């Protein structure tokens, strides 16, 4: 399962069962279910479903009136999955797009 460190600090989760896990801010790492369960309490991160299709996500963005293919590519570049975009909006991150696009994204994914 992919997991993203959504905190603004390096997560040094120490050692468990001889394993050391360090995740940089904003980094996304692949954790197997064993590691996920080992570090679940300490992990200040968001799990990202693997099933999400990037093509469906891109098409969904383009279907929003006011967002074209160029802007959708920029959004996918900054937020590769719908889940990461939702986390960014929920955490109040400044979206690096025009204010009208920011508003469209917040309206579509903020709730």
N, C-alpha and C. Protein backbone atom coordinates (compact mmCIF):
# COMPACT_ATOMS: atom_id res chain seq x y z
N UNK A 1 0.84 -1.18 0.00
CA UNK A 1 0.00 0.00 0.00
C UNK A 1 0.89 1.24 0.00
N UNK A 2 0.52 2.24 -0.78
CA UNK A 2 1.28 3.48 -0.79
C UNK A 2 0.84 4.32 0.40
N UNK A 3 1.82 4.96 1.04
CA UNK A 3 1.55 5.81 2.19
C UNK A 3 2.32 7.10 2.01
N UNK A 4 1.66 8.23 2.27
CA UNK A 4 2.31 9.53 2.12
C UNK A 4 2.46 10.18 3.48
N UNK A 5 3.65 10.73 3.73
CA UNK A 5 3.89 11.49 4.94
C UNK A 5 3.29 12.88 4.73
N UNK A 6 2.17 13.15 5.38
CA UNK A 6 1.50 14.44 5.21
C UNK A 6 1.92 15.47 6.25
N UNK A 7 2.83 15.10 7.13
CA UNK A 7 3.31 16.07 8.11
C UNK A 7 4.41 16.92 7.47
N UNK A 8 4.81 17.98 8.16
CA UNK A 8 5.85 18.84 7.62
C UNK A 8 7.22 18.53 8.21
N UNK A 9 7.37 17.33 8.79
CA UNK A 9 8.66 16.95 9.37
C UNK A 9 9.02 15.53 8.95
N UNK A 10 10.30 15.23 9.07
CA UNK A 10 10.78 13.88 8.77
C UNK A 10 10.23 12.95 9.85
N UNK A 11 9.66 11.85 9.43
CA UNK A 11 9.18 10.86 10.38
C UNK A 11 10.25 9.80 10.56
N UNK A 12 10.85 9.76 11.74
CA UNK A 12 11.81 8.72 12.07
C UNK A 12 11.08 7.81 13.04
N UNK A 13 10.59 6.70 12.53
CA UNK A 13 9.76 5.82 13.33
C UNK A 13 10.56 4.83 14.14
N UNK A 14 11.88 4.96 14.08
CA UNK A 14 12.72 4.09 14.88
C UNK A 14 12.79 2.68 14.34
N UNK A 15 13.08 1.76 15.22
CA UNK A 15 13.32 0.38 14.81
C UNK A 15 12.28 -0.54 15.43
N UNK A 16 11.72 -1.40 14.60
CA UNK A 16 10.83 -2.45 15.08
C UNK A 16 11.19 -3.71 14.32
N UNK A 17 11.34 -4.78 15.04
CA UNK A 17 11.71 -6.06 14.43
C UNK A 17 12.94 -5.92 13.54
N UNK A 18 13.90 -5.09 13.96
CA UNK A 18 15.12 -4.92 13.19
C UNK A 18 14.98 -4.04 11.96
N UNK A 19 13.87 -3.34 11.82
CA UNK A 19 13.65 -2.47 10.66
C UNK A 19 13.60 -1.02 11.11
N UNK A 20 14.21 -0.15 10.34
CA UNK A 20 14.19 1.28 10.61
C UNK A 20 13.42 1.95 9.48
N UNK A 21 12.51 2.83 9.83
CA UNK A 21 11.71 3.50 8.82
C UNK A 21 11.80 5.01 9.02
N UNK A 22 12.26 5.70 7.97
CA UNK A 22 12.32 7.15 7.95
C UNK A 22 11.60 7.61 6.69
N UNK A 23 10.66 8.56 6.84
CA UNK A 23 9.92 9.07 5.69
C UNK A 23 10.04 10.59 5.69
N UNK A 24 10.53 11.16 4.60
CA UNK A 24 10.67 12.61 4.47
C UNK A 24 9.31 13.26 4.27
N UNK A 25 9.20 14.57 4.60
CA UNK A 25 7.93 15.28 4.39
C UNK A 25 7.50 15.22 2.93
N UNK A 26 6.24 14.90 2.73
CA UNK A 26 5.70 14.86 1.39
C UNK A 26 6.05 13.62 0.60
N UNK A 27 6.91 12.77 1.16
CA UNK A 27 7.33 11.57 0.43
C UNK A 27 6.24 10.50 0.46
N UNK A 28 6.14 9.79 -0.63
CA UNK A 28 5.23 8.66 -0.71
C UNK A 28 6.07 7.39 -0.76
N UNK A 29 5.75 6.45 0.10
CA UNK A 29 6.51 5.20 0.15
C UNK A 29 5.56 4.03 -0.01
N UNK A 30 6.12 2.93 -0.47
CA UNK A 30 5.36 1.69 -0.63
C UNK A 30 5.62 0.84 0.61
N UNK A 31 4.56 0.53 1.35
CA UNK A 31 4.69 -0.31 2.53
C UNK A 31 3.90 -1.59 2.34
N UNK A 32 4.52 -2.71 2.67
CA UNK A 32 3.74 -3.94 2.63
C UNK A 32 2.85 -3.98 3.87
N UNK A 33 1.91 -4.88 3.90
CA UNK A 33 0.94 -4.92 5.00
C UNK A 33 1.60 -5.16 6.34
N UNK A 34 2.71 -5.91 6.35
CA UNK A 34 3.41 -6.17 7.61
C UNK A 34 3.99 -4.87 8.17
N UNK A 35 4.67 -4.09 7.32
CA UNK A 35 5.23 -2.82 7.79
C UNK A 35 4.12 -1.84 8.17
N UNK A 36 3.07 -1.83 7.38
CA UNK A 36 1.94 -0.95 7.68
C UNK A 36 1.40 -1.24 9.08
N UNK A 37 1.26 -2.50 9.41
CA UNK A 37 0.74 -2.85 10.74
C UNK A 37 1.76 -2.55 11.83
N UNK A 38 3.06 -2.75 11.55
CA UNK A 38 4.10 -2.47 12.54
C UNK A 38 4.13 -1.00 12.93
N UNK A 39 3.98 -0.13 11.93
CA UNK A 39 4.16 1.30 12.16
C UNK A 39 2.84 2.07 12.22
N UNK A 40 1.71 1.41 12.21
CA UNK A 40 0.43 2.08 12.06
C UNK A 40 0.17 3.14 13.13
N UNK A 41 0.55 2.89 14.37
CA UNK A 41 0.27 3.86 15.43
C UNK A 41 1.14 5.11 15.32
N UNK A 42 2.39 4.95 14.91
CA UNK A 42 3.31 6.07 14.83
C UNK A 42 3.19 6.85 13.53
N UNK A 43 2.63 6.23 12.53
CA UNK A 43 2.65 6.79 11.19
C UNK A 43 1.63 7.91 11.04
N UNK A 44 2.12 9.14 10.90
CA UNK A 44 1.25 10.29 10.67
C UNK A 44 1.18 10.47 9.16
N UNK A 45 0.48 9.59 8.52
CA UNK A 45 0.47 9.56 7.06
C UNK A 45 -0.91 9.16 6.57
N UNK A 46 -1.09 9.30 5.28
CA UNK A 46 -2.37 8.99 4.66
C UNK A 46 -2.18 7.82 3.73
N UNK A 47 -2.99 6.80 3.89
CA UNK A 47 -2.92 5.66 2.98
C UNK A 47 -3.65 5.99 1.70
N UNK A 48 -3.08 5.58 0.58
CA UNK A 48 -3.62 5.90 -0.74
C UNK A 48 -4.05 4.60 -1.40
N UNK A 49 -5.32 4.48 -1.78
CA UNK A 49 -5.74 3.25 -2.45
C UNK A 49 -5.00 3.07 -3.77
N UNK A 50 -4.53 1.86 -4.03
CA UNK A 50 -3.78 1.57 -5.25
C UNK A 50 -4.68 1.47 -6.47
N UNK A 51 -5.97 1.20 -6.27
CA UNK A 51 -6.85 0.92 -7.39
C UNK A 51 -7.18 2.15 -8.23
N UNK A 52 -6.95 3.33 -7.70
CA UNK A 52 -7.34 4.53 -8.42
C UNK A 52 -6.64 4.61 -9.78
N UNK A 53 -7.41 4.79 -10.80
CA UNK A 53 -6.86 4.90 -12.15
C UNK A 53 -6.49 6.35 -12.44
N UNK A 54 -5.24 6.57 -12.85
CA UNK A 54 -4.80 7.92 -13.19
C UNK A 54 -5.55 8.46 -14.40
N UNK A 55 -5.91 7.58 -15.32
CA UNK A 55 -6.65 8.01 -16.50
C UNK A 55 -8.04 8.50 -16.10
N UNK A 56 -8.72 7.76 -15.22
CA UNK A 56 -10.04 8.18 -14.74
C UNK A 56 -9.95 9.50 -13.99
N UNK A 57 -8.93 9.64 -13.17
CA UNK A 57 -8.71 10.87 -12.40
C UNK A 57 -8.49 12.04 -13.35
N UNK A 58 -7.65 11.86 -14.36
CA UNK A 58 -7.38 12.91 -15.35
C UNK A 58 -8.67 13.30 -16.08
N UNK A 59 -9.43 12.30 -16.53
CA UNK A 59 -10.69 12.58 -17.24
C UNK A 59 -11.67 13.31 -16.34
N UNK A 60 -11.70 12.91 -15.08
CA UNK A 60 -12.58 13.57 -14.11
C UNK A 60 -12.23 15.05 -13.98
N UNK A 61 -10.94 15.34 -13.95
CA UNK A 61 -10.50 16.74 -13.85
C UNK A 61 -10.91 17.53 -15.09
N UNK A 62 -10.69 16.94 -16.28
CA UNK A 62 -11.02 17.62 -17.54
C UNK A 62 -12.53 17.84 -17.65
N UNK A 63 -13.32 16.97 -17.05
CA UNK A 63 -14.78 17.10 -17.09
C UNK A 63 -15.30 18.26 -16.24
N UNK A 64 -14.45 18.79 -15.36
CA UNK A 64 -14.85 19.94 -14.55
C UNK A 64 -14.83 21.16 -15.46
N UNK A 65 -15.96 21.83 -15.59
CA UNK A 65 -16.05 23.01 -16.44
C UNK A 65 -15.07 24.07 -15.94
N UNK A 66 -14.17 24.49 -16.84
CA UNK A 66 -13.16 25.49 -16.49
C UNK A 66 -11.76 24.91 -16.37
N UNK A 67 -11.65 23.57 -16.43
CA UNK A 67 -10.33 22.93 -16.37
C UNK A 67 -10.11 22.19 -17.68
N UNK A 68 -9.07 22.57 -18.39
CA UNK A 68 -8.72 21.93 -19.65
C UNK A 68 -7.63 20.90 -19.46
N UNK A 69 -7.17 20.35 -20.56
CA UNK A 69 -6.16 19.28 -20.48
C UNK A 69 -4.83 19.78 -19.92
N UNK A 70 -4.43 21.00 -20.30
CA UNK A 70 -3.15 21.53 -19.80
C UNK A 70 -3.20 21.70 -18.28
N UNK A 71 -4.27 22.29 -17.79
CA UNK A 71 -4.41 22.49 -16.35
C UNK A 71 -4.54 21.15 -15.62
N UNK A 72 -5.28 20.22 -16.22
CA UNK A 72 -5.43 18.90 -15.61
C UNK A 72 -4.06 18.21 -15.48
N UNK A 73 -3.21 18.35 -16.51
CA UNK A 73 -1.85 17.77 -16.43
C UNK A 73 -1.07 18.39 -15.28
N UNK A 74 -1.19 19.71 -15.12
CA UNK A 74 -0.48 20.39 -14.03
C UNK A 74 -0.98 19.90 -12.67
N UNK A 75 -2.29 19.70 -12.56
CA UNK A 75 -2.86 19.21 -11.30
C UNK A 75 -2.35 17.80 -11.00
N UNK A 76 -2.37 16.92 -12.01
CA UNK A 76 -1.92 15.54 -11.83
C UNK A 76 -0.43 15.49 -11.52
N UNK A 77 0.33 16.42 -12.07
CA UNK A 77 1.77 16.48 -11.78
C UNK A 77 2.01 16.82 -10.32
N UNK A 78 1.23 17.76 -9.79
CA UNK A 78 1.38 18.19 -8.39
C UNK A 78 0.71 17.20 -7.42
N UNK A 79 -0.47 16.70 -7.80
CA UNK A 79 -1.24 15.77 -6.98
C UNK A 79 -1.55 14.53 -7.83
N UNK A 80 -0.67 13.51 -7.82
CA UNK A 80 -0.80 12.36 -8.72
C UNK A 80 -2.07 11.52 -8.54
N UNK A 81 -2.71 11.63 -7.38
CA UNK A 81 -3.95 10.87 -7.17
C UNK A 81 -5.02 11.78 -6.59
N UNK A 82 -6.24 11.38 -6.79
CA UNK A 82 -7.39 12.10 -6.24
C UNK A 82 -7.27 12.19 -4.72
N UNK A 83 -6.82 11.10 -4.09
CA UNK A 83 -6.69 11.06 -2.64
C UNK A 83 -5.70 12.12 -2.14
N UNK A 84 -4.57 12.28 -2.84
CA UNK A 84 -3.59 13.28 -2.43
C UNK A 84 -4.13 14.69 -2.60
N UNK A 85 -4.89 14.92 -3.65
CA UNK A 85 -5.51 16.23 -3.86
C UNK A 85 -6.49 16.53 -2.72
N UNK A 86 -7.30 15.53 -2.36
CA UNK A 86 -8.25 15.72 -1.26
C UNK A 86 -7.54 16.01 0.06
N UNK A 87 -6.43 15.30 0.31
CA UNK A 87 -5.66 15.54 1.53
C UNK A 87 -5.11 16.97 1.53
N UNK A 88 -4.57 17.40 0.39
CA UNK A 88 -4.04 18.76 0.29
C UNK A 88 -5.10 19.82 0.57
N UNK A 89 -6.28 19.61 0.03
CA UNK A 89 -7.37 20.56 0.25
C UNK A 89 -7.82 20.52 1.71
N UNK A 90 -7.99 19.32 2.24
CA UNK A 90 -8.44 19.17 3.63
C UNK A 90 -7.46 19.81 4.61
N UNK A 91 -6.16 19.72 4.31
CA UNK A 91 -5.14 20.30 5.20
C UNK A 91 -4.93 21.79 4.97
N UNK A 92 -5.68 22.35 4.02
CA UNK A 92 -5.58 23.79 3.78
C UNK A 92 -4.33 24.21 3.03
N UNK A 93 -3.71 23.28 2.31
CA UNK A 93 -2.52 23.63 1.54
C UNK A 93 -2.90 24.65 0.46
N UNK A 94 -1.98 25.57 0.19
CA UNK A 94 -2.18 26.50 -0.91
C UNK A 94 -2.01 25.73 -2.20
N UNK A 95 -3.04 25.74 -3.02
CA UNK A 95 -2.95 25.07 -4.31
C UNK A 95 -2.26 26.00 -5.29
N UNK A 96 -1.27 25.51 -6.02
CA UNK A 96 -0.44 26.38 -6.86
C UNK A 96 -1.04 26.63 -8.25
N UNK A 97 -2.34 26.90 -8.29
CA UNK A 97 -3.01 27.12 -9.56
C UNK A 97 -3.71 28.47 -9.52
N UNK A 98 -4.25 28.90 -10.65
CA UNK A 98 -5.02 30.14 -10.67
C UNK A 98 -6.14 30.05 -9.66
N UNK A 99 -6.54 31.21 -9.12
CA UNK A 99 -7.55 31.22 -8.06
C UNK A 99 -8.87 30.59 -8.51
N UNK A 100 -9.24 30.76 -9.79
CA UNK A 100 -10.49 30.15 -10.25
C UNK A 100 -10.39 28.63 -10.26
N UNK A 101 -9.22 28.10 -10.62
CA UNK A 101 -9.01 26.64 -10.62
C UNK A 101 -8.98 26.13 -9.18
N UNK A 102 -8.32 26.88 -8.29
CA UNK A 102 -8.31 26.51 -6.86
C UNK A 102 -9.74 26.37 -6.35
N UNK A 103 -10.57 27.34 -6.67
CA UNK A 103 -11.96 27.32 -6.21
C UNK A 103 -12.72 26.13 -6.78
N UNK A 104 -12.52 25.84 -8.07
CA UNK A 104 -13.18 24.70 -8.68
C UNK A 104 -12.77 23.39 -7.99
N UNK A 105 -11.47 23.25 -7.71
CA UNK A 105 -10.98 22.03 -7.04
C UNK A 105 -11.51 21.93 -5.62
N UNK A 106 -11.50 23.03 -4.90
CA UNK A 106 -12.00 23.01 -3.53
C UNK A 106 -13.49 22.67 -3.50
N UNK A 107 -14.26 23.20 -4.46
CA UNK A 107 -15.68 22.87 -4.53
C UNK A 107 -15.91 21.41 -4.88
N UNK A 108 -15.11 20.87 -5.79
CA UNK A 108 -15.28 19.49 -6.26
C UNK A 108 -14.78 18.46 -5.24
N UNK A 109 -13.64 18.73 -4.61
CA UNK A 109 -12.99 17.72 -3.77
C UNK A 109 -12.88 18.09 -2.30
N UNK A 110 -13.35 19.24 -1.92
CA UNK A 110 -13.18 19.69 -0.54
C UNK A 110 -14.15 19.10 0.45
N UNK A 111 -15.23 18.54 -0.02
CA UNK A 111 -16.27 18.08 0.89
C UNK A 111 -16.18 16.67 1.23
